[in-house]
Amino acid sequence: MGGPGSIAPRATPQKGYLWASAALLAFALVYGYFSHGVWSVWMLGAFVIPLLWGFVPSLLEAREGKKRIVSGYLRLWGVACFSVGAVMSGVLEIYGTTNRLLLVYFLAATVFFASALICWPVKTDGDIG
């Protein structure tokens, strides 16, 4: 299972980003339900981040047929930082407080996204390994 001659389907980044979006949306809905009807825009909007910043660029990559490995990993970390920052901002907003330290998530995400854009032209034809 998974050897050189196997025909097991490979996971694609597009599926991963769609699952992340679905999980974030489900988490926001459940969290909002158990927070006695208090909702946060940050929490509800967190599912859009992997959809727009992960899924759409992955579709563009797949359409070209060439992989952008470095840019893909940097984008993945940017999506992760931005998503965690949005969820934590939503949790604190629902709780009724704020924290300046959450800015670190958004600054890190900005650095990862900017680096991914800089590395976007670098393409590879095959797998690494």
N, C-alpha and C. Protein backbone atom coordinates (compact mmCIF):
# COMPACT_ATOMS: atom_id res chain seq x y z
N MET A 1 0.84 -1.19 0.00
CA MET A 1 0.00 0.00 0.00
C MET A 1 0.88 1.24 0.00
N GLY A 2 0.97 1.91 -1.10
CA GLY A 2 1.76 3.12 -1.18
C GLY A 2 3.16 2.88 -1.73
N GLY A 3 3.46 1.65 -2.18
CA GLY A 3 4.77 1.34 -2.73
C GLY A 3 4.92 1.89 -4.14
N PRO A 4 6.05 1.59 -4.78
CA PRO A 4 6.30 2.12 -6.12
C PRO A 4 5.29 1.69 -7.16
N GLY A 5 4.72 0.49 -7.05
CA GLY A 5 3.78 0.02 -8.05
C GLY A 5 2.32 0.19 -7.67
N SER A 6 2.06 0.85 -6.57
CA SER A 6 0.67 0.96 -6.11
C SER A 6 -0.10 2.00 -6.92
N ILE A 7 -1.39 1.83 -6.93
CA ILE A 7 -2.24 2.77 -7.65
C ILE A 7 -3.14 3.53 -6.67
N ALA A 8 -2.64 3.70 -5.45
CA ALA A 8 -3.40 4.43 -4.44
C ALA A 8 -3.49 5.90 -4.86
N PRO A 9 -4.65 6.51 -4.68
CA PRO A 9 -4.78 7.92 -5.06
C PRO A 9 -3.93 8.81 -4.17
N ARG A 10 -3.32 9.80 -4.78
CA ARG A 10 -2.49 10.75 -4.03
C ARG A 10 -3.35 11.90 -3.53
N ALA A 11 -3.03 12.35 -2.37
CA ALA A 11 -3.72 13.52 -1.83
C ALA A 11 -3.26 14.75 -2.59
N THR A 12 -4.17 15.61 -2.90
CA THR A 12 -3.82 16.85 -3.60
C THR A 12 -3.94 18.01 -2.64
N PRO A 13 -3.17 19.06 -2.85
CA PRO A 13 -3.28 20.23 -1.98
C PRO A 13 -4.68 20.85 -2.03
N GLN A 14 -5.34 20.74 -3.18
CA GLN A 14 -6.68 21.31 -3.29
C GLN A 14 -7.62 20.67 -2.28
N LYS A 15 -7.56 19.35 -2.17
CA LYS A 15 -8.43 18.65 -1.22
C LYS A 15 -8.11 19.06 0.21
N GLY A 16 -6.83 19.20 0.51
CA GLY A 16 -6.42 19.59 1.85
C GLY A 16 -6.95 20.96 2.24
N TYR A 17 -6.87 21.90 1.31
CA TYR A 17 -7.38 23.25 1.60
C TYR A 17 -8.90 23.25 1.73
N LEU A 18 -9.58 22.43 0.92
CA LEU A 18 -11.04 22.35 1.05
C LEU A 18 -11.43 21.73 2.39
N TRP A 19 -10.71 20.69 2.82
CA TRP A 19 -11.00 20.09 4.12
C TRP A 19 -10.72 21.07 5.25
N ALA A 20 -9.64 21.84 5.13
CA ALA A 20 -9.33 22.83 6.16
C ALA A 20 -10.44 23.89 6.23
N SER A 21 -10.93 24.31 5.08
CA SER A 21 -12.03 25.29 5.06
C SER A 21 -13.28 24.72 5.71
N ALA A 22 -13.60 23.48 5.38
CA ALA A 22 -14.78 22.85 5.97
C ALA A 22 -14.63 22.68 7.48
N ALA A 23 -13.44 22.30 7.92
CA ALA A 23 -13.20 22.12 9.36
C ALA A 23 -13.30 23.45 10.10
N LEU A 24 -12.75 24.51 9.52
CA LEU A 24 -12.83 25.82 10.16
C LEU A 24 -14.27 26.33 10.23
N LEU A 25 -15.03 26.09 9.18
CA LEU A 25 -16.44 26.51 9.19
C LEU A 25 -17.22 25.72 10.23
N ALA A 26 -17.01 24.40 10.28
CA ALA A 26 -17.70 23.57 11.28
C ALA A 26 -17.31 24.00 12.69
N PHE A 27 -16.03 24.26 12.92
CA PHE A 27 -15.57 24.71 14.23
C PHE A 27 -16.23 26.02 14.62
N ALA A 28 -16.32 26.96 13.69
CA ALA A 28 -16.93 28.26 13.98
C ALA A 28 -18.41 28.11 14.32
N LEU A 29 -19.10 27.26 13.59
CA LEU A 29 -20.53 27.07 13.86
C LEU A 29 -20.78 26.40 15.20
N VAL A 30 -19.98 25.38 15.51
CA VAL A 30 -20.14 24.70 16.80
C VAL A 30 -19.75 25.62 17.95
N TYR A 31 -18.64 26.34 17.78
CA TYR A 31 -18.19 27.26 18.83
C TYR A 31 -19.22 28.36 19.05
N GLY A 32 -19.77 28.88 17.97
CA GLY A 32 -20.80 29.91 18.09
C GLY A 32 -22.05 29.40 18.76
N TYR A 33 -22.40 28.15 18.49
CA TYR A 33 -23.59 27.56 19.12
C TYR A 33 -23.40 27.43 20.63
N PHE A 34 -22.23 26.97 21.04
CA PHE A 34 -21.98 26.77 22.46
C PHE A 34 -21.56 28.05 23.19
N SER A 35 -21.39 29.13 22.47
CA SER A 35 -21.06 30.40 23.13
C SER A 35 -22.32 31.24 23.35
N HIS A 36 -23.45 30.57 23.42
CA HIS A 36 -24.75 31.20 23.73
C HIS A 36 -25.13 32.28 22.72
N GLY A 37 -24.87 32.01 21.45
CA GLY A 37 -25.32 32.91 20.40
C GLY A 37 -24.42 34.11 20.14
N VAL A 38 -23.26 34.17 20.78
CA VAL A 38 -22.31 35.26 20.52
C VAL A 38 -21.43 34.81 19.35
N TRP A 39 -21.40 35.62 18.30
CA TRP A 39 -20.67 35.26 17.10
C TRP A 39 -19.54 36.24 16.86
N SER A 40 -18.53 35.82 16.14
CA SER A 40 -17.39 36.66 15.80
C SER A 40 -17.18 36.62 14.29
N VAL A 41 -16.94 37.77 13.72
CA VAL A 41 -16.67 37.85 12.29
C VAL A 41 -15.35 37.14 11.97
N TRP A 42 -14.37 37.27 12.86
CA TRP A 42 -13.09 36.59 12.66
C TRP A 42 -13.28 35.09 12.60
N MET A 43 -14.07 34.57 13.52
CA MET A 43 -14.28 33.13 13.60
C MET A 43 -15.07 32.63 12.38
N LEU A 44 -16.13 33.33 12.02
CA LEU A 44 -16.94 32.89 10.89
C LEU A 44 -16.20 33.05 9.56
N GLY A 45 -15.34 34.04 9.47
CA GLY A 45 -14.62 34.28 8.22
C GLY A 45 -13.34 33.49 8.07
N ALA A 46 -12.95 32.75 9.10
CA ALA A 46 -11.68 32.01 9.05
C ALA A 46 -11.66 30.96 7.94
N PHE A 47 -12.81 30.42 7.57
CA PHE A 47 -12.84 29.37 6.54
C PHE A 47 -12.50 29.93 5.15
N VAL A 48 -12.62 31.23 4.97
CA VAL A 48 -12.33 31.83 3.67
C VAL A 48 -10.82 31.84 3.39
N ILE A 49 -10.01 31.88 4.44
CA ILE A 49 -8.56 32.00 4.28
C ILE A 49 -7.97 30.81 3.50
N PRO A 50 -8.21 29.55 3.92
CA PRO A 50 -7.65 28.46 3.11
C PRO A 50 -8.31 28.34 1.74
N LEU A 51 -9.52 28.84 1.63
CA LEU A 51 -10.22 28.76 0.36
C LEU A 51 -9.58 29.70 -0.67
N LEU A 52 -9.38 30.95 -0.29
CA LEU A 52 -8.84 31.93 -1.24
C LEU A 52 -7.32 31.90 -1.36
N TRP A 53 -6.62 31.72 -0.24
CA TRP A 53 -5.16 31.81 -0.26
C TRP A 53 -4.50 30.46 -0.47
N GLY A 54 -5.25 29.37 -0.37
CA GLY A 54 -4.68 28.05 -0.58
C GLY A 54 -5.26 27.32 -1.76
N PHE A 55 -6.58 27.23 -1.80
CA PHE A 55 -7.25 26.45 -2.85
C PHE A 55 -7.07 27.07 -4.23
N VAL A 56 -7.31 28.36 -4.35
CA VAL A 56 -7.23 29.02 -5.66
C VAL A 56 -5.82 28.96 -6.25
N PRO A 57 -4.76 29.32 -5.49
CA PRO A 57 -3.42 29.18 -6.08
C PRO A 57 -3.06 27.73 -6.41
N SER A 58 -3.56 26.77 -5.62
CA SER A 58 -3.29 25.35 -5.92
C SER A 58 -3.96 24.94 -7.23
N LEU A 59 -5.14 25.47 -7.49
CA LEU A 59 -5.80 25.20 -8.77
C LEU A 59 -5.00 25.77 -9.94
N LEU A 60 -4.46 26.96 -9.75
CA LEU A 60 -3.63 27.56 -10.81
C LEU A 60 -2.40 26.71 -11.07
N GLU A 61 -1.78 26.21 -10.00
CA GLU A 61 -0.62 25.33 -10.16
C GLU A 61 -0.98 24.06 -10.91
N ALA A 62 -2.09 23.45 -10.53
CA ALA A 62 -2.51 22.20 -11.16
C ALA A 62 -2.82 22.41 -12.63
N ARG A 63 -3.37 23.56 -12.96
CA ARG A 63 -3.71 23.84 -14.35
C ARG A 63 -2.46 23.97 -15.22
N GLU A 64 -1.39 24.54 -14.64
CA GLU A 64 -0.14 24.68 -15.38
C GLU A 64 0.59 23.35 -15.52
N GLY A 65 0.39 22.45 -14.58
CA GLY A 65 1.08 21.16 -14.63
C GLY A 65 2.46 21.18 -14.02
N LYS A 66 2.90 22.29 -13.46
CA LYS A 66 4.20 22.37 -12.81
C LYS A 66 4.00 22.71 -11.35
N LYS A 67 4.87 22.14 -10.53
CA LYS A 67 4.75 22.36 -9.09
C LYS A 67 5.63 23.52 -8.64
N ARG A 68 5.14 24.23 -7.70
CA ARG A 68 5.90 25.30 -7.03
C ARG A 68 6.07 24.86 -5.57
N ILE A 69 7.08 24.07 -5.32
CA ILE A 69 7.23 23.44 -4.02
C ILE A 69 7.54 24.46 -2.93
N VAL A 70 8.52 25.30 -3.16
CA VAL A 70 8.91 26.29 -2.13
C VAL A 70 7.76 27.25 -1.88
N SER A 71 7.19 27.78 -2.92
CA SER A 71 6.06 28.70 -2.78
C SER A 71 4.87 28.02 -2.13
N GLY A 72 4.67 26.75 -2.46
CA GLY A 72 3.55 26.01 -1.88
C GLY A 72 3.68 25.84 -0.37
N TYR A 73 4.88 25.52 0.09
CA TYR A 73 5.08 25.36 1.53
C TYR A 73 4.99 26.70 2.26
N LEU A 74 5.53 27.74 1.67
CA LEU A 74 5.43 29.06 2.29
C LEU A 74 3.97 29.51 2.37
N ARG A 75 3.23 29.24 1.31
CA ARG A 75 1.80 29.58 1.31
C ARG A 75 1.04 28.76 2.35
N LEU A 76 1.39 27.49 2.49
CA LEU A 76 0.77 26.63 3.49
C LEU A 76 0.98 27.20 4.89
N TRP A 77 2.20 27.61 5.20
CA TRP A 77 2.48 28.17 6.53
C TRP A 77 1.79 29.52 6.71
N GLY A 78 1.66 30.30 5.64
CA GLY A 78 0.93 31.56 5.72
C GLY A 78 -0.54 31.33 6.01
N VAL A 79 -1.13 30.34 5.33
CA VAL A 79 -2.54 30.00 5.58
C VAL A 79 -2.72 29.52 7.02
N ALA A 80 -1.79 28.70 7.49
CA ALA A 80 -1.89 28.19 8.87
C ALA A 80 -1.81 29.32 9.89
N CYS A 81 -0.84 30.22 9.72
CA CYS A 81 -0.69 31.35 10.65
C CYS A 81 -1.91 32.25 10.63
N PHE A 82 -2.37 32.59 9.45
CA PHE A 82 -3.51 33.49 9.32
C PHE A 82 -4.77 32.84 9.90
N SER A 83 -4.96 31.54 9.65
CA SER A 83 -6.14 30.84 10.16
C SER A 83 -6.14 30.76 11.68
N VAL A 84 -4.99 30.41 12.26
CA VAL A 84 -4.90 30.34 13.72
C VAL A 84 -5.11 31.72 14.33
N GLY A 85 -4.53 32.74 13.71
CA GLY A 85 -4.74 34.11 14.20
C GLY A 85 -6.19 34.53 14.14
N ALA A 86 -6.87 34.17 13.07
CA ALA A 86 -8.29 34.53 12.95
C ALA A 86 -9.14 33.80 13.98
N VAL A 87 -8.87 32.52 14.17
CA VAL A 87 -9.64 31.75 15.16
C VAL A 87 -9.38 32.28 16.56
N MET A 88 -8.12 32.53 16.89
CA MET A 88 -7.81 33.05 18.23
C MET A 88 -8.41 34.44 18.43
N SER A 89 -8.39 35.28 17.41
CA SER A 89 -9.04 36.59 17.51
C SER A 89 -10.53 36.43 17.74
N GLY A 90 -11.14 35.46 17.06
CA GLY A 90 -12.56 35.20 17.26
C GLY A 90 -12.86 34.69 18.65
N VAL A 91 -12.03 33.80 19.17
CA VAL A 91 -12.23 33.28 20.52
C VAL A 91 -12.16 34.41 21.54
N LEU A 92 -11.15 35.25 21.41
CA LEU A 92 -11.00 36.36 22.36
C LEU A 92 -12.11 37.39 22.20
N GLU A 93 -12.56 37.61 20.97
CA GLU A 93 -13.65 38.54 20.74
C GLU A 93 -14.94 38.03 21.38
N ILE A 94 -15.20 36.74 21.25
CA ILE A 94 -16.39 36.15 21.87
C ILE A 94 -16.27 36.22 23.39
N TYR A 95 -15.07 36.02 23.89
CA TYR A 95 -14.84 36.09 25.33
C TYR A 95 -15.00 37.51 25.85
N GLY A 96 -14.78 38.49 24.97
CA GLY A 96 -14.98 39.88 25.35
C GLY A 96 -13.70 40.63 25.65
N THR A 97 -12.60 40.19 25.09
CA THR A 97 -11.33 40.85 25.34
C THR A 97 -10.50 40.85 24.05
N THR A 98 -9.35 41.46 24.10
CA THR A 98 -8.42 41.46 22.97
C THR A 98 -7.01 41.26 23.52
N ASN A 99 -6.07 41.03 22.61
CA ASN A 99 -4.68 40.87 23.00
C ASN A 99 -3.80 41.30 21.84
N ARG A 100 -2.85 42.18 22.12
CA ARG A 100 -1.96 42.67 21.07
C ARG A 100 -1.04 41.59 20.54
N LEU A 101 -0.80 40.55 21.32
CA LEU A 101 0.11 39.49 20.89
C LEU A 101 -0.43 38.70 19.70
N LEU A 102 -1.72 38.79 19.44
CA LEU A 102 -2.29 38.11 18.27
C LEU A 102 -1.77 38.71 16.98
N LEU A 103 -1.26 39.91 17.05
CA LEU A 103 -0.69 40.57 15.87
C LEU A 103 0.47 39.74 15.29
N VAL A 104 1.14 38.97 16.14
CA VAL A 104 2.26 38.15 15.69
C VAL A 104 1.81 37.15 14.61
N TYR A 105 0.63 36.56 14.79
CA TYR A 105 0.12 35.61 13.79
C TYR A 105 -0.05 36.28 12.43
N PHE A 106 -0.61 37.47 12.43
CA PHE A 106 -0.87 38.17 11.17
C PHE A 106 0.42 38.68 10.54
N LEU A 107 1.37 39.10 11.36
CA LEU A 107 2.67 39.52 10.81
C LEU A 107 3.42 38.33 10.22
N ALA A 108 3.41 37.20 10.92
CA ALA A 108 4.07 36.00 10.39
C ALA A 108 3.41 35.54 9.09
N ALA A 109 2.08 35.58 9.05
CA ALA A 109 1.36 35.19 7.83
C ALA A 109 1.73 36.12 6.67
N THR A 110 1.85 37.40 6.95
CA THR A 110 2.23 38.36 5.92
C THR A 110 3.62 38.05 5.37
N VAL A 111 4.56 37.72 6.26
CA VAL A 111 5.91 37.37 5.82
C VAL A 111 5.89 36.11 4.96
N PHE A 112 5.12 35.09 5.40
CA PHE A 112 5.04 33.85 4.61
C PHE A 112 4.40 34.09 3.25
N PHE A 113 3.32 34.87 3.20
CA PHE A 113 2.66 35.14 1.92
C PHE A 113 3.55 35.96 1.00
N ALA A 114 4.25 36.95 1.54
CA ALA A 114 5.16 37.75 0.72
C ALA A 114 6.29 36.89 0.17
N SER A 115 6.83 36.00 1.00
CA SER A 115 7.88 35.09 0.55
C SER A 115 7.37 34.12 -0.52
N ALA A 116 6.13 33.66 -0.36
CA ALA A 116 5.54 32.77 -1.36
C ALA A 116 5.37 33.49 -2.69
N LEU A 117 4.99 34.75 -2.65
CA LEU A 117 4.86 35.51 -3.89
C LEU A 117 6.21 35.72 -4.56
N ILE A 118 7.24 35.96 -3.76
CA ILE A 118 8.57 36.13 -4.32
C ILE A 118 9.06 34.84 -4.97
N CYS A 119 8.74 33.70 -4.34
CA CYS A 119 9.19 32.39 -4.86
C CYS A 119 8.25 31.80 -5.91
N TRP A 120 7.15 32.46 -6.21
CA TRP A 120 6.15 31.93 -7.15
C TRP A 120 6.74 31.54 -8.51
N PRO A 121 7.66 32.31 -9.11
CA PRO A 121 8.18 31.93 -10.44
C PRO A 121 9.00 30.64 -10.45
N VAL A 122 9.51 30.18 -9.30
CA VAL A 122 10.35 28.99 -9.25
C VAL A 122 9.46 27.75 -9.40
N LYS A 123 9.70 26.97 -10.49
CA LYS A 123 8.88 25.79 -10.79
C LYS A 123 9.75 24.55 -10.85
N THR A 124 9.13 23.40 -10.57
CA THR A 124 9.80 22.11 -10.76
C THR A 124 8.90 21.22 -11.60
N ASP A 125 9.51 20.30 -12.32
CA ASP A 125 8.75 19.41 -13.18
C ASP A 125 8.27 18.16 -12.46
N GLY A 126 9.01 17.69 -11.49
CA GLY A 126 8.66 16.43 -10.86
C GLY A 126 8.68 16.53 -9.35
N ASP A 127 8.62 15.35 -8.75
CA ASP A 127 8.63 15.26 -7.29
C ASP A 127 10.05 15.41 -6.77
N ILE A 128 10.16 15.88 -5.57
CA ILE A 128 11.44 15.91 -4.90
C ILE A 128 11.57 14.63 -4.10
N GLY A 129 12.69 13.97 -4.21
CA GLY A 129 12.89 12.77 -3.40
C GLY A 129 13.41 11.63 -4.20
